[in-house]
Structure formats: structure tokens, C-alpha cells
Amino acid sequence: MNTAQCNSYGTACEFMDVCAGVQDINGDQYQDRKQRSGPKELSHSKLCSYHGCKRKYHYRYNMGKEHVRQRAPALEFGSVMHLYFAAYFDMKKNG
């Protein structure tokens, strides 16, 4: 584990708990990642990830895993209010 590299962007790497042996990569904290490019295509993100930490690259691009992100309660509330007002004004418009 390279903690200096894991914290190089100001926050811990999303896989730091896996490298430390606290979590399992196949556990509930990680989900399958939506592939944005083919496995043989190069991108700036892939190169930076590989250069920074080969284990992070392996988890993200070879295994296709990412940390589960939860939405903040304020975002959930805002989404519900948006749907409510959209339905309300649609109902008013249609009679």
C-alpha cells in the first residue's frame, strides 16, 4: 500500500480500504463500473491511474469496479420536489 500516492489528490483513494485489507473488492461497498471505453483504448485517466497506482488501475479498469456513491439527502429532497412540481404544473396545464 502506498499511502502517499493514495492521498496525493487531497483525499484517500477509493480503493484504500481494499488495499489495507479492511474491505473486500467484491463486497457491498463496491459495484460494477460502467465501461466508458474499450479495454484496449487509452485515455488520460487510464494512463494517470496506471502511473499513480497499478493496483487502482487493476481494480478500476481490469476488474471494472468502483466505490458505491450515495447521494446526499439534500439532492434526494430536491429530486422529489422537482418531480412534485413537474407533476403539479403538468396537471394544471392539462386540466
C-alpha atoms as a PDB file:
ATOM      1  CA  MET A   1       0.000   0.000   0.000  1.00  0.00           C
ATOM      2  CA  ASN A   2       1.312   3.403  -0.970  1.00  0.00           C
ATOM      3  CA  THR A   3      -0.494   5.841   1.321  1.00  0.00           C
ATOM      4  CA  ALA A   4       1.397   8.837  -0.069  1.00  0.00           C
ATOM      5  CA  GLN A   5       0.011   8.084  -3.532  1.00  0.00           C
ATOM      6  CA  CYS A   6      -3.442   7.225  -2.149  1.00  0.00           C
ATOM      7  CA  ASN A   7      -3.653  10.706  -0.596  1.00  0.00           C
ATOM      8  CA  SER A   8      -1.925  12.589  -3.437  1.00  0.00           C
ATOM      9  CA  TYR A   9      -5.143  14.250  -4.637  1.00  0.00           C
ATOM     10  CA  GLY A  10      -6.148  15.509  -1.206  1.00  0.00           C
ATOM     11  CA  THR A  11      -8.478  12.612  -0.452  1.00  0.00           C
ATOM     12  CA  ALA A  12      -7.939   8.930   0.049  1.00  0.00           C
ATOM     13  CA  CYS A  13      -8.089   6.659  -2.972  1.00  0.00           C
ATOM     14  CA  GLU A  14     -11.450   4.924  -3.381  1.00  0.00           C
ATOM     15  CA  PHE A  15      -9.703   1.544  -3.042  1.00  0.00           C
ATOM     16  CA  MET A  16      -7.579   2.388   0.010  1.00  0.00           C
ATOM     17  CA  ASP A  17      -9.734   0.257   2.326  1.00  0.00           C
ATOM     18  CA  VAL A  18      -9.303  -2.735  -0.011  1.00  0.00           C
ATOM     19  CA  CYS A  19      -5.523  -2.278  -0.104  1.00  0.00           C
ATOM     20  CA  ALA A  20      -5.473  -2.011   3.688  1.00  0.00           C
ATOM     21  CA  GLY A  21      -7.414  -5.287   3.975  1.00  0.00           C
ATOM     22  CA  VAL A  22     -10.451  -3.689   5.644  1.00  0.00           C
ATOM     23  CA  GLN A  23     -12.914  -4.252   2.777  1.00  0.00           C
ATOM     24  CA  ASP A  24     -13.330  -6.876   0.065  1.00  0.00           C
ATOM     25  CA  ILE A  25     -13.422  -5.677  -3.553  1.00  0.00           C
ATOM     26  CA  ASN A  26     -16.439  -7.963  -4.110  1.00  0.00           C
ATOM     27  CA  GLY A  27     -18.271  -6.631  -1.043  1.00  0.00           C
ATOM     28  CA  ASP A  28     -21.233  -4.266  -0.759  1.00  0.00           C
ATOM     29  CA  GLN A  29     -19.042  -1.147  -0.840  1.00  0.00           C
ATOM     30  CA  TYR A  30     -18.096  -1.706  -4.497  1.00  0.00           C
ATOM     31  CA  GLN A  31     -20.182  -2.054  -7.635  1.00  0.00           C
ATOM     32  CA  ASP A  32     -19.541  -2.829 -11.276  1.00  0.00           C
ATOM     33  CA  ARG A  33     -18.363   0.209 -13.171  1.00  0.00           C
ATOM     34  CA  LYS A  34     -19.922   1.351 -16.430  1.00  0.00           C
ATOM     35  CA  GLN A  35     -17.223   0.973 -19.047  1.00  0.00           C
ATOM     36  CA  ARG A  36     -16.805   4.236 -20.943  1.00  0.00           C
ATOM     37  CA  SER A  37     -14.153   2.971 -23.342  1.00  0.00           C
ATOM     38  CA  GLY A  38     -12.967  -0.332 -24.692  1.00  0.00           C
ATOM     39  CA  PRO A  39     -10.401  -2.391 -22.793  1.00  0.00           C
ATOM     40  CA  LYS A  40      -7.669  -1.660 -25.337  1.00  0.00           C
ATOM     41  CA  GLU A  41      -8.341   2.069 -25.704  1.00  0.00           C
ATOM     42  CA  LEU A  42      -6.031   4.530 -24.000  1.00  0.00           C
ATOM     43  CA  SER A  43      -7.220   7.596 -22.158  1.00  0.00           C
ATOM     44  CA  HIS A  44      -5.648  10.227 -19.955  1.00  0.00           C
ATOM     45  CA  SER A  45      -7.461   8.807 -16.909  1.00  0.00           C
ATOM     46  CA  LYS A  46      -6.205   5.291 -17.584  1.00  0.00           C
ATOM     47  CA  LEU A  47      -2.623   6.459 -18.017  1.00  0.00           C
ATOM     48  CA  CYS A  48      -2.688   8.596 -14.871  1.00  0.00           C
ATOM     49  CA  SER A  49      -4.254   5.789 -12.874  1.00  0.00           C
ATOM     50  CA  TYR A  50      -1.697   3.248 -14.095  1.00  0.00           C
ATOM     51  CA  HIS A  51       1.194   5.621 -13.417  1.00  0.00           C
ATOM     52  CA  GLY A  52      -0.089   6.509  -9.952  1.00  0.00           C
ATOM     53  CA  CYS A  53      -1.074   3.069  -8.668  1.00  0.00           C
ATOM     54  CA  LYS A  54      -1.151  -0.152 -10.617  1.00  0.00           C
ATOM     55  CA  ARG A  55      -3.485  -1.742  -8.093  1.00  0.00           C
ATOM     56  CA  LYS A  56      -6.018   1.093  -8.506  1.00  0.00           C
ATOM     57  CA  TYR A  57      -5.763   0.660 -12.280  1.00  0.00           C
ATOM     58  CA  HIS A  58      -6.380  -3.074 -11.923  1.00  0.00           C
ATOM     59  CA  TYR A  59      -9.455  -2.627  -9.719  1.00  0.00           C
ATOM     60  CA  ARG A  60     -10.944   0.134 -11.865  1.00  0.00           C
ATOM     61  CA  TYR A  61     -10.169  -0.939 -15.437  1.00  0.00           C
ATOM     62  CA  ASN A  62      -9.392  -4.675 -15.374  1.00  0.00           C
ATOM     63  CA  MET A  63     -11.958  -5.708 -12.772  1.00  0.00           C
ATOM     64  CA  GLY A  64     -14.372  -2.876 -13.617  1.00  0.00           C
ATOM     65  CA  LYS A  65     -15.113  -1.875 -10.014  1.00  0.00           C
ATOM     66  CA  GLU A  66     -15.916   1.466  -8.399  1.00  0.00           C
ATOM     67  CA  HIS A  67     -16.901   2.617  -4.931  1.00  0.00           C
ATOM     68  CA  VAL A  68     -20.642   2.871  -4.321  1.00  0.00           C
ATOM     69  CA  ARG A  69     -21.578   6.528  -4.092  1.00  0.00           C
ATOM     70  CA  GLN A  70     -24.587   7.602  -2.109  1.00  0.00           C
ATOM     71  CA  ARG A  71     -26.492  10.759  -2.904  1.00  0.00           C
ATOM     72  CA  ALA A  72     -26.732  13.442  -0.259  1.00  0.00           C
ATOM     73  CA  PRO A  73     -30.149  13.802   1.427  1.00  0.00           C
ATOM     74  CA  ALA A  74     -30.471  17.346   0.051  1.00  0.00           C
ATOM     75  CA  LEU A  75     -30.151  16.007  -3.506  1.00  0.00           C
ATOM     76  CA  GLU A  76     -32.800  13.375  -2.826  1.00  0.00           C
ATOM     77  CA  PHE A  77     -35.145  16.028  -1.410  1.00  0.00           C
ATOM     78  CA  GLY A  78     -34.533  18.319  -4.387  1.00  0.00           C
ATOM     79  CA  SER A  79     -35.266  15.494  -6.830  1.00  0.00           C
ATOM     80  CA  VAL A  80     -38.532  14.688  -5.087  1.00  0.00           C
ATOM     81  CA  MET A  81     -39.577  18.346  -5.070  1.00  0.00           C
ATOM     82  CA  HIS A  82     -38.711  18.667  -8.757  1.00  0.00           C
ATOM     83  CA  LEU A  83     -40.901  15.672  -9.619  1.00  0.00           C
ATOM     84  CA  TYR A  84     -43.731  17.018  -7.450  1.00  0.00           C
ATOM     85  CA  PHE A  85     -43.743  20.469  -9.077  1.00  0.00           C
ATOM     86  CA  ALA A  86     -43.409  18.994 -12.575  1.00  0.00           C
ATOM     87  CA  ALA A  87     -46.441  16.771 -11.950  1.00  0.00           C
ATOM     88  CA  TYR A  88     -48.381  19.647 -10.351  1.00  0.00           C
ATOM     89  CA  PHE A  89     -47.823  22.060 -13.232  1.00  0.00           C
ATOM     90  CA  ASP A  90     -48.462  19.324 -15.801  1.00  0.00           C
ATOM     91  CA  MET A  91     -51.780  18.600 -14.090  1.00  0.00           C
ATOM     92  CA  LYS A  92     -52.663  22.325 -14.064  1.00  0.00           C
ATOM     93  CA  LYS A  93     -51.773  22.655 -17.739  1.00  0.00           C
ATOM     94  CA  ASN A  94     -53.818  19.607 -18.806  1.00  0.00           C
ATOM     95  CA  GLY A  95     -56.870  20.474 -16.810  1.00  0.00           C
END
